[in-house]
Amino acid sequence: MINGGVGPRLDPRIPLTFLDSAGSPLIIDATIDTGFAGFLAMSRSLIAHLTLSYMGDYPLELADGTEVLCPCYEARVEWFGKVRTVRAYELGPDLLVGINFLWGKRLKIDVIVGGIVTVEPIP
């Protein structure tokens, strides 16, 4: 089970452990964005810090329906005891976890400031 919390703007957050190109871990709180259909969205500075491998530009549909090409990178994340390699879009200043990253898991959010966020396997 992964435990996080709800921030002052009612943003559900969970800690994620990223592995940089040398395999060194970096734990960062990420905001869960159920309206984002991708895996991860992250800032250019975080991508550079982790020295992620560039995969190319991929189409992405924004919330207003506009389709854009976004630089995409390969990120390695520890997730329930295993290392997952997922697509990370260079998009905005915040680290976002998209709904596809959570596939096959149960998400619970107590929607109050300081509420509990849990991610667990679906039984």
PDB file of N, CA and C in Angstrom:
ATOM      1  N   MET A   1       0.846  -1.174   0.000  1.00  0.00           N
ATOM      2  CA  MET A   1       0.000   0.000   0.000  1.00  0.00           C
ATOM      3  C   MET A   1       0.892   1.238   0.000  1.00  0.00           C
ATOM      4  N   ILE A   2       0.464   2.246  -0.729  1.00  0.00           N
ATOM      5  CA  ILE A   2       1.166   3.519  -0.764  1.00  0.00           C
ATOM      6  C   ILE A   2       0.267   4.546  -0.091  1.00  0.00           C
ATOM      7  N   ASN A   3       0.843   5.292   0.848  1.00  0.00           N
ATOM      8  CA  ASN A   3       0.080   6.289   1.594  1.00  0.00           C
ATOM      9  C   ASN A   3       0.567   7.684   1.272  1.00  0.00           C
ATOM     10  N   GLY A   4      -0.389   8.588   1.108  1.00  0.00           N
ATOM     11  CA  GLY A   4      -0.085   9.987   0.883  1.00  0.00           C
ATOM     12  C   GLY A   4      -1.084  10.840   1.628  1.00  0.00           C
ATOM     13  N   GLY A   5      -1.237  12.079   1.185  1.00  0.00           N
ATOM     14  CA  GLY A   5      -2.142  12.985   1.866  1.00  0.00           C
ATOM     15  C   GLY A   5      -2.715  14.024   0.925  1.00  0.00           C
ATOM     16  N   VAL A   6      -3.704  14.744   1.434  1.00  0.00           N
ATOM     17  CA  VAL A   6      -4.369  15.800   0.676  1.00  0.00           C
ATOM     18  C   VAL A   6      -3.807  17.140   1.131  1.00  0.00           C
ATOM     19  N   GLY A   7      -3.349  17.946   0.159  1.00  0.00           N
ATOM     20  CA  GLY A   7      -2.734  19.230   0.457  1.00  0.00           C
ATOM     21  C   GLY A   7      -3.748  20.342   0.662  1.00  0.00           C
ATOM     22  N   PRO A   8      -3.259  21.549   0.905  1.00  0.00           N
ATOM     23  CA  PRO A   8      -4.129  22.686   1.213  1.00  0.00           C
ATOM     24  C   PRO A   8      -5.027  23.125   0.053  1.00  0.00           C
ATOM     25  N   ARG A   9      -4.684  22.759  -1.175  1.00  0.00           N
ATOM     26  CA  ARG A   9      -5.540  23.060  -2.334  1.00  0.00           C
ATOM     27  C   ARG A   9      -6.374  21.844  -2.725  1.00  0.00           C
ATOM     28  N   LEU A  10      -6.526  20.908  -1.788  1.00  0.00           N
ATOM     29  CA  LEU A  10      -7.248  19.651  -1.989  1.00  0.00           C
ATOM     30  C   LEU A  10      -6.608  18.798  -3.076  1.00  0.00           C
ATOM     31  N   ASP A  11      -5.283  18.882  -3.183  1.00  0.00           N
ATOM     32  CA  ASP A  11      -4.529  18.112  -4.160  1.00  0.00           C
ATOM     33  C   ASP A  11      -4.054  16.802  -3.537  1.00  0.00           C
ATOM     34  N   PRO A  12      -4.561  15.651  -4.039  1.00  0.00           N
ATOM     35  CA  PRO A  12      -4.130  14.359  -3.500  1.00  0.00           C
ATOM     36  C   PRO A  12      -2.694  14.067  -3.945  1.00  0.00           C
ATOM     37  N   ARG A  13      -1.838  13.716  -2.979  1.00  0.00           N
ATOM     38  CA  ARG A  13      -0.415  13.521  -3.269  1.00  0.00           C
ATOM     39  C   ARG A  13       0.061  12.192  -2.701  1.00  0.00           C
ATOM     40  N   ILE A  14       0.980  11.571  -3.461  1.00  0.00           N
ATOM     41  CA  ILE A  14       1.630  10.347  -3.000  1.00  0.00           C
ATOM     42  C   ILE A  14       3.130  10.468  -3.258  1.00  0.00           C
ATOM     43  N   PRO A  15       3.944   9.804  -2.434  1.00  0.00           N
ATOM     44  CA  PRO A  15       5.386   9.806  -2.698  1.00  0.00           C
ATOM     45  C   PRO A  15       5.722   8.778  -3.780  1.00  0.00           C
ATOM     46  N   LEU A  16       6.584   9.172  -4.712  1.00  0.00           N
ATOM     47  CA  LEU A  16       7.089   8.257  -5.734  1.00  0.00           C
ATOM     48  C   LEU A  16       8.600   8.221  -5.643  1.00  0.00           C
ATOM     49  N   THR A  17       9.173   7.028  -5.817  1.00  0.00           N
ATOM     50  CA  THR A  17      10.619   6.880  -5.833  1.00  0.00           C
ATOM     51  C   THR A  17      11.071   6.690  -7.271  1.00  0.00           C
ATOM     52  N   PHE A  18      11.809   7.687  -7.776  1.00  0.00           N
ATOM     53  CA  PHE A  18      12.365   7.638  -9.125  1.00  0.00           C
ATOM     54  C   PHE A  18      13.797   7.148  -9.059  1.00  0.00           C
ATOM     55  N   LEU A  19      14.237   6.500 -10.129  1.00  0.00           N
ATOM     56  CA  LEU A  19      15.629   6.093 -10.260  1.00  0.00           C
ATOM     57  C   LEU A  19      16.250   6.911 -11.381  1.00  0.00           C
ATOM     58  N   ASP A  20      17.387   7.561 -11.082  1.00  0.00           N
ATOM     59  CA  ASP A  20      18.051   8.324 -12.130  1.00  0.00           C
ATOM     60  C   ASP A  20      18.851   7.377 -13.023  1.00  0.00           C
ATOM     61  N   SER A  21      19.586   7.919 -13.980  1.00  0.00           N
ATOM     62  CA  SER A  21      20.301   7.070 -14.940  1.00  0.00           C
ATOM     63  C   SER A  21      21.365   6.204 -14.277  1.00  0.00           C
ATOM     64  N   ALA A  22      21.833   6.586 -13.085  1.00  0.00           N
ATOM     65  CA  ALA A  22      22.822   5.789 -12.357  1.00  0.00           C
ATOM     66  C   ALA A  22      22.160   4.801 -11.392  1.00  0.00           C
ATOM     67  N   GLY A  23      20.821   4.838 -11.316  1.00  0.00           N
ATOM     68  CA  GLY A  23      20.098   3.944 -10.416  1.00  0.00           C
ATOM     69  C   GLY A  23      19.915   4.490  -9.016  1.00  0.00           C
ATOM     70  N   SER A  24      20.302   5.751  -8.802  1.00  0.00           N
ATOM     71  CA  SER A  24      20.132   6.370  -7.479  1.00  0.00           C
ATOM     72  C   SER A  24      18.679   6.786  -7.288  1.00  0.00           C
ATOM     73  N   PRO A  25      18.110   6.508  -6.096  1.00  0.00           N
ATOM     74  CA  PRO A  25      16.707   6.844  -5.863  1.00  0.00           C
ATOM     75  C   PRO A  25      16.507   8.311  -5.487  1.00  0.00           C
ATOM     76  N   LEU A  26      15.359   8.839  -5.865  1.00  0.00           N
ATOM     77  CA  LEU A  26      14.939  10.181  -5.493  1.00  0.00           C
ATOM     78  C   LEU A  26      13.452  10.111  -5.195  1.00  0.00           C
ATOM     79  N   ILE A  27      13.065  10.422  -3.951  1.00  0.00           N
ATOM     80  CA  ILE A  27      11.662  10.373  -3.541  1.00  0.00           C
ATOM     81  C   ILE A  27      11.067  11.774  -3.673  1.00  0.00           C
ATOM     82  N   ILE A  28       9.951  11.845  -4.401  1.00  0.00           N
ATOM     83  CA  ILE A  28       9.282  13.124  -4.645  1.00  0.00           C
ATOM     84  C   ILE A  28       7.782  12.937  -4.464  1.00  0.00           C
ATOM     85  N   ASP A  29       7.115  13.914  -3.840  1.00  0.00           N
ATOM     86  CA  ASP A  29       5.664  13.891  -3.756  1.00  0.00           C
ATOM     87  C   ASP A  29       5.075  14.284  -5.102  1.00  0.00           C
ATOM     88  N   ALA A  30       4.109  13.507  -5.574  1.00  0.00           N
ATOM     89  CA  ALA A  30       3.468  13.742  -6.866  1.00  0.00           C
ATOM     90  C   ALA A  30       1.972  13.934  -6.653  1.00  0.00           C
ATOM     91  N   THR A  31       1.396  14.820  -7.443  1.00  0.00           N
ATOM     92  CA  THR A  31      -0.042  15.075  -7.392  1.00  0.00           C
ATOM     93  C   THR A  31      -0.760  14.106  -8.312  1.00  0.00           C
ATOM     94  N   ILE A  32      -1.818  13.491  -7.813  1.00  0.00           N
ATOM     95  CA  ILE A  32      -2.638  12.600  -8.630  1.00  0.00           C
ATOM     96  C   ILE A  32      -3.626  13.448  -9.413  1.00  0.00           C
ATOM     97  N   ASP A  33      -3.636  13.269 -10.739  1.00  0.00           N
ATOM     98  CA  ASP A  33      -4.522  14.006 -11.629  1.00  0.00           C
ATOM     99  C   ASP A  33      -5.340  12.999 -12.424  1.00  0.00           C
ATOM    100  N   THR A  34      -6.553  12.713 -11.942  1.00  0.00           N
ATOM    101  CA  THR A  34      -7.390  11.703 -12.595  1.00  0.00           C
ATOM    102  C   THR A  34      -7.913  12.174 -13.951  1.00  0.00           C
ATOM    103  N   GLY A  35      -7.754  13.450 -14.266  1.00  0.00           N
ATOM    104  CA  GLY A  35      -8.139  13.954 -15.576  1.00  0.00           C
ATOM    105  C   GLY A  35      -7.032  13.821 -16.611  1.00  0.00           C
ATOM    106  N   PHE A  36      -5.850  13.405 -16.178  1.00  0.00           N
ATOM    107  CA  PHE A  36      -4.703  13.218 -17.064  1.00  0.00           C
ATOM    108  C   PHE A  36      -4.628  11.742 -17.420  1.00  0.00           C
ATOM    109  N   ALA A  37      -4.781  11.426 -18.716  1.00  0.00           N
ATOM    110  CA  ALA A  37      -4.844  10.031 -19.149  1.00  0.00           C
ATOM    111  C   ALA A  37      -3.477   9.388 -19.330  1.00  0.00           C
ATOM    112  N   GLY A  38      -2.398  10.158 -19.220  1.00  0.00           N
ATOM    113  CA  GLY A  38      -1.065   9.598 -19.390  1.00  0.00           C
ATOM    114  C   GLY A  38      -0.559   8.916 -18.133  1.00  0.00           C
ATOM    115  N   PHE A  39       0.728   8.631 -18.119  1.00  0.00           N
ATOM    116  CA  PHE A  39       1.364   8.022 -16.958  1.00  0.00           C
ATOM    117  C   PHE A  39       1.888   9.092 -16.014  1.00  0.00           C
ATOM    118  N   LEU A  40       2.864   9.899 -16.498  1.00  0.00           N
ATOM    119  CA  LEU A  40       3.458  10.955 -15.678  1.00  0.00           C
ATOM    120  C   LEU A  40       3.614  12.226 -16.501  1.00  0.00           C
ATOM    121  N   ALA A  41       3.535  13.370 -15.831  1.00  0.00           N
ATOM    122  CA  ALA A  41       3.902  14.659 -16.414  1.00  0.00           C
ATOM    123  C   ALA A  41       4.879  15.297 -15.434  1.00  0.00           C
ATOM    124  N   MET A  42       5.955  15.870 -15.968  1.00  0.00           N
ATOM    125  CA  MET A  42       6.960  16.453 -15.081  1.00  0.00           C
ATOM    126  C   MET A  42       7.651  17.639 -15.735  1.00  0.00           C
ATOM    127  N   SER A  43       8.334  18.397 -14.906  1.00  0.00           N
ATOM    128  CA  SER A  43       9.018  19.599 -15.375  1.00  0.00           C
ATOM    129  C   SER A  43      10.316  19.253 -16.091  1.00  0.00           C
ATOM    130  N   ARG A  44      10.753  20.183 -16.909  1.00  0.00           N
ATOM    131  CA  ARG A  44      12.027  20.039 -17.619  1.00  0.00           C
ATOM    132  C   ARG A  44      13.180  19.894 -16.620  1.00  0.00           C
ATOM    133  N   SER A  45      13.119  20.640 -15.509  1.00  0.00           N
ATOM    134  CA  SER A  45      14.218  20.575 -14.533  1.00  0.00           C
ATOM    135  C   SER A  45      14.296  19.205 -13.855  1.00  0.00           C
ATOM    136  N   LEU A  46      13.162  18.583 -13.563  1.00  0.00           N
ATOM    137  CA  LEU A  46      13.179  17.246 -12.965  1.00  0.00           C
ATOM    138  C   LEU A  46      13.693  16.223 -13.972  1.00  0.00           C
ATOM    139  N   ILE A  47      13.278  16.351 -15.227  1.00  0.00           N
ATOM    140  CA  ILE A  47      13.762  15.450 -16.281  1.00  0.00           C
ATOM    141  C   ILE A  47      15.279  15.545 -16.386  1.00  0.00           C
ATOM    142  N   ALA A  48      15.795  16.758 -16.354  1.00  0.00           N
ATOM    143  CA  ALA A  48      17.253  16.962 -16.437  1.00  0.00           C
ATOM    144  C   ALA A  48      17.949  16.398 -15.198  1.00  0.00           C
ATOM    145  N   HIS A  49      17.370  16.622 -14.018  1.00  0.00           N
ATOM    146  CA  HIS A  49      17.972  16.124 -12.779  1.00  0.00           C
ATOM    147  C   HIS A  49      18.079  14.594 -12.784  1.00  0.00           C
ATOM    148  N   LEU A  50      17.046  13.940 -13.295  1.00  0.00           N
ATOM    149  CA  LEU A  50      17.030  12.474 -13.345  1.00  0.00           C
ATOM    150  C   LEU A  50      17.771  11.928 -14.561  1.00  0.00           C
ATOM    151  N   THR A  51      18.196  12.795 -15.460  1.00  0.00           N
ATOM    152  CA  THR A  51      18.848  12.442 -16.732  1.00  0.00           C
ATOM    153  C   THR A  51      18.073  11.343 -17.475  1.00  0.00           C
ATOM    154  N   LEU A  52      16.791  11.633 -17.711  1.00  0.00           N
ATOM    155  CA  LEU A  52      15.920  10.671 -18.393  1.00  0.00           C
ATOM    156  C   LEU A  52      16.232  10.613 -19.881  1.00  0.00           C
ATOM    157  N   SER A  53      15.999   9.457 -20.473  1.00  0.00           N
ATOM    158  CA  SER A  53      16.233   9.240 -21.904  1.00  0.00           C
ATOM    159  C   SER A  53      15.054   9.764 -22.710  1.00  0.00           C
ATOM    160  N   TYR A  54      15.371  10.547 -23.739  1.00  0.00           N
ATOM    161  CA  TYR A  54      14.362  11.118 -24.635  1.00  0.00           C
ATOM    162  C   TYR A  54      13.828  10.029 -25.558  1.00  0.00           C
ATOM    163  N   MET A  55      12.491   9.961 -25.688  1.00  0.00           N
ATOM    164  CA  MET A  55      11.843   8.967 -26.544  1.00  0.00           C
ATOM    165  C   MET A  55      11.292   9.570 -27.823  1.00  0.00           C
ATOM    166  N   GLY A  56      11.126  10.877 -27.863  1.00  0.00           N
ATOM    167  CA  GLY A  56      10.534  11.539 -29.023  1.00  0.00           C
ATOM    168  C   GLY A  56       9.383  12.422 -28.589  1.00  0.00           C
ATOM    169  N   ASP A  57       8.762  13.081 -29.567  1.00  0.00           N
ATOM    170  CA  ASP A  57       7.587  13.905 -29.292  1.00  0.00           C
ATOM    171  C   ASP A  57       6.340  13.066 -29.547  1.00  0.00           C
ATOM    172  N   TYR A  58       5.399  13.107 -28.593  1.00  0.00           N
ATOM    173  CA  TYR A  58       4.185  12.314 -28.680  1.00  0.00           C
ATOM    174  C   TYR A  58       2.964  13.228 -28.574  1.00  0.00           C
ATOM    175  N   PRO A  59       1.873  12.886 -29.272  1.00  0.00           N
ATOM    176  CA  PRO A  59       0.664  13.706 -29.176  1.00  0.00           C
ATOM    177  C   PRO A  59       0.026  13.569 -27.795  1.00  0.00           C
ATOM    178  N   LEU A  60      -0.513  14.679 -27.315  1.00  0.00           N
ATOM    179  CA  LEU A  60      -1.179  14.709 -26.020  1.00  0.00           C
ATOM    180  C   LEU A  60      -2.367  15.644 -26.132  1.00  0.00           C
ATOM    181  N   GLU A  61      -3.532  15.202 -25.677  1.00  0.00           N
ATOM    182  CA  GLU A  61      -4.722  16.049 -25.700  1.00  0.00           C
ATOM    183  C   GLU A  61      -4.840  16.773 -24.369  1.00  0.00           C
ATOM    184  N   LEU A  62      -4.891  18.104 -24.431  1.00  0.00           N
ATOM    185  CA  LEU A  62      -5.019  18.921 -23.229  1.00  0.00           C
ATOM    186  C   LEU A  62      -6.477  18.961 -22.770  1.00  0.00           C
ATOM    187  N   ALA A  63      -6.702  19.486 -21.578  1.00  0.00           N
ATOM    188  CA  ALA A  63      -8.044  19.511 -20.993  1.00  0.00           C
ATOM    189  C   ALA A  63      -9.046  20.263 -21.865  1.00  0.00           C
ATOM    190  N   ASP A  64      -8.585  21.257 -22.633  1.00  0.00           N
ATOM    191  CA  ASP A  64      -9.501  22.019 -23.478  1.00  0.00           C
ATOM    192  C   ASP A  64      -9.736  21.368 -24.840  1.00  0.00           C
ATOM    193  N   GLY A  65      -9.177  20.165 -25.041  1.00  0.00           N
ATOM    194  CA  GLY A  65      -9.366  19.432 -26.287  1.00  0.00           C
ATOM    195  C   GLY A  65      -8.287  19.686 -27.326  1.00  0.00           C
ATOM    196  N   THR A  66      -7.405  20.634 -27.071  1.00  0.00           N
ATOM    197  CA  THR A  66      -6.305  20.932 -27.984  1.00  0.00           C
ATOM    198  C   THR A  66      -5.311  19.779 -27.974  1.00  0.00           C
ATOM    199  N   GLU A  67      -4.839  19.391 -29.166  1.00  0.00           N
ATOM    200  CA  GLU A  67      -3.810  18.350 -29.238  1.00  0.00           C
ATOM    201  C   GLU A  67      -2.465  19.017 -29.501  1.00  0.00           C
ATOM    202  N   VAL A  68      -1.460  18.633 -28.699  1.00  0.00           N
ATOM    203  CA  VAL A  68      -0.118  19.192 -28.830  1.00  0.00           C
ATOM    204  C   VAL A  68       0.890  18.042 -28.879  1.00  0.00           C
ATOM    205  N   LEU A  69       2.063  18.336 -29.412  1.00  0.00           N
ATOM    206  CA  LEU A  69       3.160  17.381 -29.353  1.00  0.00           C
ATOM    207  C   LEU A  69       4.017  17.735 -28.142  1.00  0.00           C
ATOM    208  N   CYS A  70       4.259  16.756 -27.292  1.00  0.00           N
ATOM    209  CA  CYS A  70       5.049  16.985 -26.086  1.00  0.00           C
ATOM    210  C   CYS A  70       6.284  16.098 -26.099  1.00  0.00           C
ATOM    211  N   PRO A  71       7.429  16.639 -25.681  1.00  0.00           N
ATOM    212  CA  PRO A  71       8.601  15.794 -25.518  1.00  0.00           C
ATOM    213  C   PRO A  71       8.294  14.713 -24.481  1.00  0.00           C
ATOM    214  N   CYS A  72       8.745  13.510 -24.764  1.00  0.00           N
ATOM    215  CA  CYS A  72       8.452  12.379 -23.896  1.00  0.00           C
ATOM    216  C   CYS A  72       9.746  11.668 -23.524  1.00  0.00           C
ATOM    217  N   TYR A  73       9.812  11.207 -22.298  1.00  0.00           N
ATOM    218  CA  TYR A  73      11.020  10.600 -21.752  1.00  0.00           C
ATOM    219  C   TYR A  73      10.672   9.280 -21.073  1.00  0.00           C
ATOM    220  N   GLU A  74      11.673   8.451 -20.880  1.00  0.00           N
ATOM    221  CA  GLU A  74      11.509   7.170 -20.211  1.00  0.00           C
ATOM    222  C   GLU A  74      11.909   7.345 -18.747  1.00  0.00           C
ATOM    223  N   ALA A  75      10.941   7.136 -17.851  1.00  0.00           N
ATOM    224  CA  ALA A  75      11.193   7.275 -16.414  1.00  0.00           C
ATOM    225  C   ALA A  75      11.104   5.910 -15.744  1.00  0.00           C
ATOM    226  N   ARG A  76      11.980   5.693 -14.769  1.00  0.00           N
ATOM    227  CA  ARG A  76      11.937   4.461 -13.972  1.00  0.00           C
ATOM    228  C   ARG A  76      11.479   4.810 -12.564  1.00  0.00           C
ATOM    229  N   VAL A  77      10.425   4.091 -12.124  1.00  0.00           N
ATOM    230  CA  VAL A  77       9.786   4.376 -10.850  1.00  0.00           C
ATOM    231  C   VAL A  77       9.623   3.077 -10.069  1.00  0.00           C
ATOM    232  N   GLU A  78       9.971   3.104  -8.780  1.00  0.00           N
ATOM    233  CA  GLU A  78       9.670   1.953  -7.919  1.00  0.00           C
ATOM    234  C   GLU A  78       8.185   1.990  -7.605  1.00  0.00           C
ATOM    235  N   TRP A  79       7.522   0.855  -7.837  1.00  0.00           N
ATOM    236  CA  TRP A  79       6.064   0.805  -7.690  1.00  0.00           C
ATOM    237  C   TRP A  79       5.674  -0.570  -7.186  1.00  0.00           C
ATOM    238  N   PHE A  80       5.237  -0.661  -5.947  1.00  0.00           N
ATOM    239  CA  PHE A  80       4.832  -1.908  -5.310  1.00  0.00           C
ATOM    240  C   PHE A  80       5.911  -2.976  -5.426  1.00  0.00           C
ATOM    241  N   GLY A  81       7.144  -2.589  -5.081  1.00  0.00           N
ATOM    242  CA  GLY A  81       8.243  -3.543  -4.990  1.00  0.00           C
ATOM    243  C   GLY A  81       8.938  -3.864  -6.300  1.00  0.00           C
ATOM    244  N   LYS A  82       8.508  -3.248  -7.407  1.00  0.00           N
ATOM    245  CA  LYS A  82       9.133  -3.492  -8.699  1.00  0.00           C
ATOM    246  C   LYS A  82       9.489  -2.154  -9.341  1.00  0.00           C
ATOM    247  N   VAL A  83      10.408  -2.204 -10.285  1.00  0.00           N
ATOM    248  CA  VAL A  83      10.747  -0.999 -11.042  1.00  0.00           C
ATOM    249  C   VAL A  83       9.940  -1.005 -12.333  1.00  0.00           C
ATOM    250  N   ARG A  84       9.171   0.063 -12.526  1.00  0.00           N
ATOM    251  CA  ARG A  84       8.376   0.231 -13.754  1.00  0.00           C
ATOM    252  C   ARG A  84       9.055   1.268 -14.628  1.00  0.00           C
ATOM    253  N   THR A  85       9.038   1.027 -15.921  1.00  0.00           N
ATOM    254  CA  THR A  85       9.496   2.014 -16.888  1.00  0.00           C
ATOM    255  C   THR A  85       8.259   2.560 -17.576  1.00  0.00           C
ATOM    256  N   VAL A  86       8.047   3.880 -17.460  1.00  0.00           N
ATOM    257  CA  VAL A  86       6.839   4.500 -17.998  1.00  0.00           C
ATOM    258  C   VAL A  86       7.187   5.760 -18.775  1.00  0.00           C
ATOM    259  N   ARG A  87       6.233   6.207 -19.557  1.00  0.00           N
ATOM    260  CA  ARG A  87       6.362   7.425 -20.353  1.00  0.00           C
ATOM    261  C   ARG A  87       6.105   8.643 -19.461  1.00  0.00           C
ATOM    262  N   ALA A  88       7.019   9.616 -19.523  1.00  0.00           N
ATOM    263  CA  ALA A  88       6.873  10.858 -18.769  1.00  0.00           C
ATOM    264  C   ALA A  88       6.885  12.025 -19.753  1.00  0.00           C
ATOM    265  N   TYR A  89       5.801  12.788 -19.784  1.00  0.00           N
ATOM    266  CA  TYR A  89       5.706  13.953 -20.649  1.00  0.00           C
ATOM    267  C   TYR A  89       6.347  15.167 -19.980  1.00  0.00           C
ATOM    268  N   GLU A  90       7.070  15.951 -20.749  1.00  0.00           N
ATOM    269  CA  GLU A  90       7.574  17.227 -20.254  1.00  0.00           C
ATOM    270  C   GLU A  90       6.433  18.222 -20.375  1.00  0.00           C
ATOM    271  N   LEU A  91       5.826  18.543 -19.237  1.00  0.00           N
ATOM    272  CA  LEU A  91       4.595  19.333 -19.268  1.00  0.00           C
ATOM    273  C   LEU A  91       4.405  20.045 -17.940  1.00  0.00           C
ATOM    274  N   GLY A  92       4.583  21.336 -17.917  1.00  0.00           N
ATOM    275  CA  GLY A  92       4.278  22.144 -16.744  1.00  0.00           C
ATOM    276  C   GLY A  92       5.259  21.988 -15.608  1.00  0.00           C
ATOM    277  N   PRO A  93       5.014  22.737 -14.545  1.00  0.00           N
ATOM    278  CA  PRO A  93       5.948  22.770 -13.416  1.00  0.00           C
ATOM    279  C   PRO A  93       5.745  21.659 -12.383  1.00  0.00           C
ATOM    280  N   ASP A  94       4.585  21.013 -12.396  1.00  0.00           N
ATOM    281  CA  ASP A  94       4.251  20.062 -11.336  1.00  0.00           C
ATOM    282  C   ASP A  94       4.472  18.620 -11.788  1.00  0.00           C
ATOM    283  N   LEU A  95       4.788  17.772 -10.818  1.00  0.00           N
ATOM    284  CA  LEU A  95       4.880  16.339 -11.068  1.00  0.00           C
ATOM    285  C   LEU A  95       3.486  15.752 -10.907  1.00  0.00           C
ATOM    286  N   LEU A  96       2.946  15.205 -12.003  1.00  0.00           N
ATOM    287  CA  LEU A  96       1.586  14.655 -11.992  1.00  0.00           C
ATOM    288  C   LEU A  96       1.601  13.164 -12.276  1.00  0.00           C
ATOM    289  N   VAL A  97       0.758  12.446 -11.551  1.00  0.00           N
ATOM    290  CA  VAL A  97       0.512  11.026 -11.791  1.00  0.00           C
ATOM    291  C   VAL A  97      -0.815  10.933 -12.522  1.00  0.00           C
ATOM    292  N   GLY A  98      -0.783  10.375 -13.730  1.00  0.00           N
ATOM    293  CA  GLY A  98      -1.998  10.218 -14.514  1.00  0.00           C
ATOM    294  C   GLY A  98      -2.724   8.924 -14.192  1.00  0.00           C
ATOM    295  N   ILE A  99      -3.927   8.831 -14.687  1.00  0.00           N
ATOM    296  CA  ILE A  99      -4.784   7.682 -14.375  1.00  0.00           C
ATOM    297  C   ILE A  99      -4.222   6.378 -14.925  1.00  0.00           C
ATOM    298  N   ASN A 100      -3.502   6.413 -16.060  1.00  0.00           N
ATOM    299  CA  ASN A 100      -2.919   5.177 -16.589  1.00  0.00           C
ATOM    300  C   ASN A 100      -1.827   4.626 -15.698  1.00  0.00           C
ATOM    301  N   PHE A 101      -1.139   5.499 -14.968  1.00  0.00           N
ATOM    302  CA  PHE A 101      -0.128   5.029 -14.029  1.00  0.00           C
ATOM    303  C   PHE A 101      -0.777   4.184 -12.925  1.00  0.00           C
ATOM    304  N   LEU A 102      -2.015   4.521 -12.581  1.00  0.00           N
ATOM    305  CA  LEU A 102      -2.721   3.847 -11.478  1.00  0.00           C
ATOM    306  C   LEU A 102      -3.502   2.615 -11.916  1.00  0.00           C
ATOM    307  N   TRP A 103      -3.397   2.244 -13.201  1.00  0.00           N
ATOM    308  CA  TRP A 103      -4.156   1.102 -13.728  1.00  0.00           C
ATOM    309  C   TRP A 103      -3.985  -0.126 -12.841  1.00  0.00           C
ATOM    310  N   GLY A 104      -5.085  -0.779 -12.515  1.00  0.00           N
ATOM    311  CA  GLY A 104      -5.061  -2.003 -11.730  1.00  0.00           C
ATOM    312  C   GLY A 104      -4.947  -1.782 -10.230  1.00  0.00           C
ATOM    313  N   LYS A 105      -5.074  -0.544  -9.797  1.00  0.00           N
ATOM    314  CA  LYS A 105      -4.964  -0.220  -8.370  1.00  0.00           C
ATOM    315  C   LYS A 105      -6.254   0.436  -7.889  1.00  0.00           C
ATOM    316  N   ARG A 106      -6.468   0.409  -6.585  1.00  0.00           N
ATOM    317  CA  ARG A 106      -7.598   1.098  -5.957  1.00  0.00           C
ATOM    318  C   ARG A 106      -7.066   2.393  -5.348  1.00  0.00           C
ATOM    319  N   LEU A 107      -7.724   3.488  -5.665  1.00  0.00           N
ATOM    320  CA  LEU A 107      -7.353   4.805  -5.138  1.00  0.00           C
ATOM    321  C   LEU A 107      -8.440   5.266  -4.182  1.00  0.00           C
ATOM    322  N   LYS A 108      -8.037   5.628  -2.963  1.00  0.00           N
ATOM    323  CA  LYS A 108      -8.973   6.171  -1.972  1.00  0.00           C
ATOM    324  C   LYS A 108      -8.455   7.535  -1.542  1.00  0.00           C
ATOM    325  N   ILE A 109      -9.365   8.519  -1.520  1.00  0.00           N
ATOM    326  CA  ILE A 109      -8.999   9.871  -1.122  1.00  0.00           C
ATOM    327  C   ILE A 109     -10.026  10.384  -0.120  1.00  0.00           C
ATOM    328  N   ASP A 110      -9.573  10.789   1.051  1.00  0.00           N
ATOM    329  CA  ASP A 110     -10.424  11.498   2.006  1.00  0.00           C
ATOM    330  C   ASP A 110     -10.302  12.975   1.641  1.00  0.00           C
ATOM    331  N   VAL A 111     -11.310  13.512   0.967  1.00  0.00           N
ATOM    332  CA  VAL A 111     -11.208  14.839   0.367  1.00  0.00           C
ATOM    333  C   VAL A 111     -11.473  15.931   1.407  1.00  0.00           C
ATOM    334  N   ILE A 112     -10.479  16.124   2.257  1.00  0.00           N
ATOM    335  CA  ILE A 112     -10.402  17.228   3.214  1.00  0.00           C
ATOM    336  C   ILE A 112      -8.924  17.580   3.330  1.00  0.00           C
ATOM    337  N   VAL A 113      -8.621  18.808   3.693  1.00  0.00           N
ATOM    338  CA  VAL A 113      -7.226  19.192   3.890  1.00  0.00           C
ATOM    339  C   VAL A 113      -6.623  18.288   4.959  1.00  0.00           C
ATOM    340  N   GLY A 114      -5.515  17.657   4.638  1.00  0.00           N
ATOM    341  CA  GLY A 114      -4.881  16.708   5.553  1.00  0.00           C
ATOM    342  C   GLY A 114      -5.452  15.300   5.462  1.00  0.00           C
ATOM    343  N   GLY A 115      -6.381  15.084   4.541  1.00  0.00           N
ATOM    344  CA  GLY A 115      -6.999  13.760   4.381  1.00  0.00           C
ATOM    345  C   GLY A 115      -5.994  12.719   3.937  1.00  0.00           C
ATOM    346  N   ILE A 116      -6.383  11.475   4.039  1.00  0.00           N
ATOM    347  CA  ILE A 116      -5.515  10.352   3.704  1.00  0.00           C
ATOM    348  C   ILE A 116      -5.747   9.930   2.251  1.00  0.00           C
ATOM    349  N   VAL A 117      -4.650   9.650   1.551  1.00  0.00           N
ATOM    350  CA  VAL A 117      -4.688   9.105   0.187  1.00  0.00           C
ATOM    351  C   VAL A 117      -4.033   7.740   0.241  1.00  0.00           C
ATOM    352  N   THR A 118      -4.697   6.711  -0.276  1.00  0.00           N
ATOM    353  CA  THR A 118      -4.102   5.387  -0.327  1.00  0.00           C
ATOM    354  C   THR A 118      -4.239   4.817  -1.739  1.00  0.00           C
ATOM    355  N   VAL A 119      -3.206   4.104  -2.150  1.00  0.00           N
ATOM    356  CA  VAL A 119      -3.209   3.366  -3.399  1.00  0.00           C
ATOM    357  C   VAL A 119      -2.857   1.929  -3.029  1.00  0.00           C
ATOM    358  N   GLU A 120      -3.699   0.993  -3.455  1.00  0.00           N
ATOM    359  CA  GLU A 120      -3.457  -0.410  -3.112  1.00  0.00           C
ATOM    360  C   GLU A 120      -3.907  -1.289  -4.267  1.00  0.00           C
ATOM    361  N   PRO A 121      -3.368  -2.505  -4.316  1.00  0.00           N
ATOM    362  CA  PRO A 121      -3.824  -3.429  -5.360  1.00  0.00           C
ATOM    363  C   PRO A 121      -5.326  -3.721  -5.207  1.00  0.00           C
ATOM    364  N   ILE A 122      -5.982  -3.952  -6.322  1.00  0.00           N
ATOM    365  CA  ILE A 122      -7.380  -4.367  -6.268  1.00  0.00           C
ATOM    366  C   ILE A 122      -7.386  -5.848  -5.912  1.00  0.00           C
ATOM    367  N   PRO A 123      -8.120  -6.226  -4.857  1.00  0.00           N
ATOM    368  CA  PRO A 123      -8.109  -7.642  -4.459  1.00  0.00           C
ATOM    369  C   PRO A 123      -8.715  -8.552  -5.514  1.00  0.00           C
TER     370      PRO A 123
END
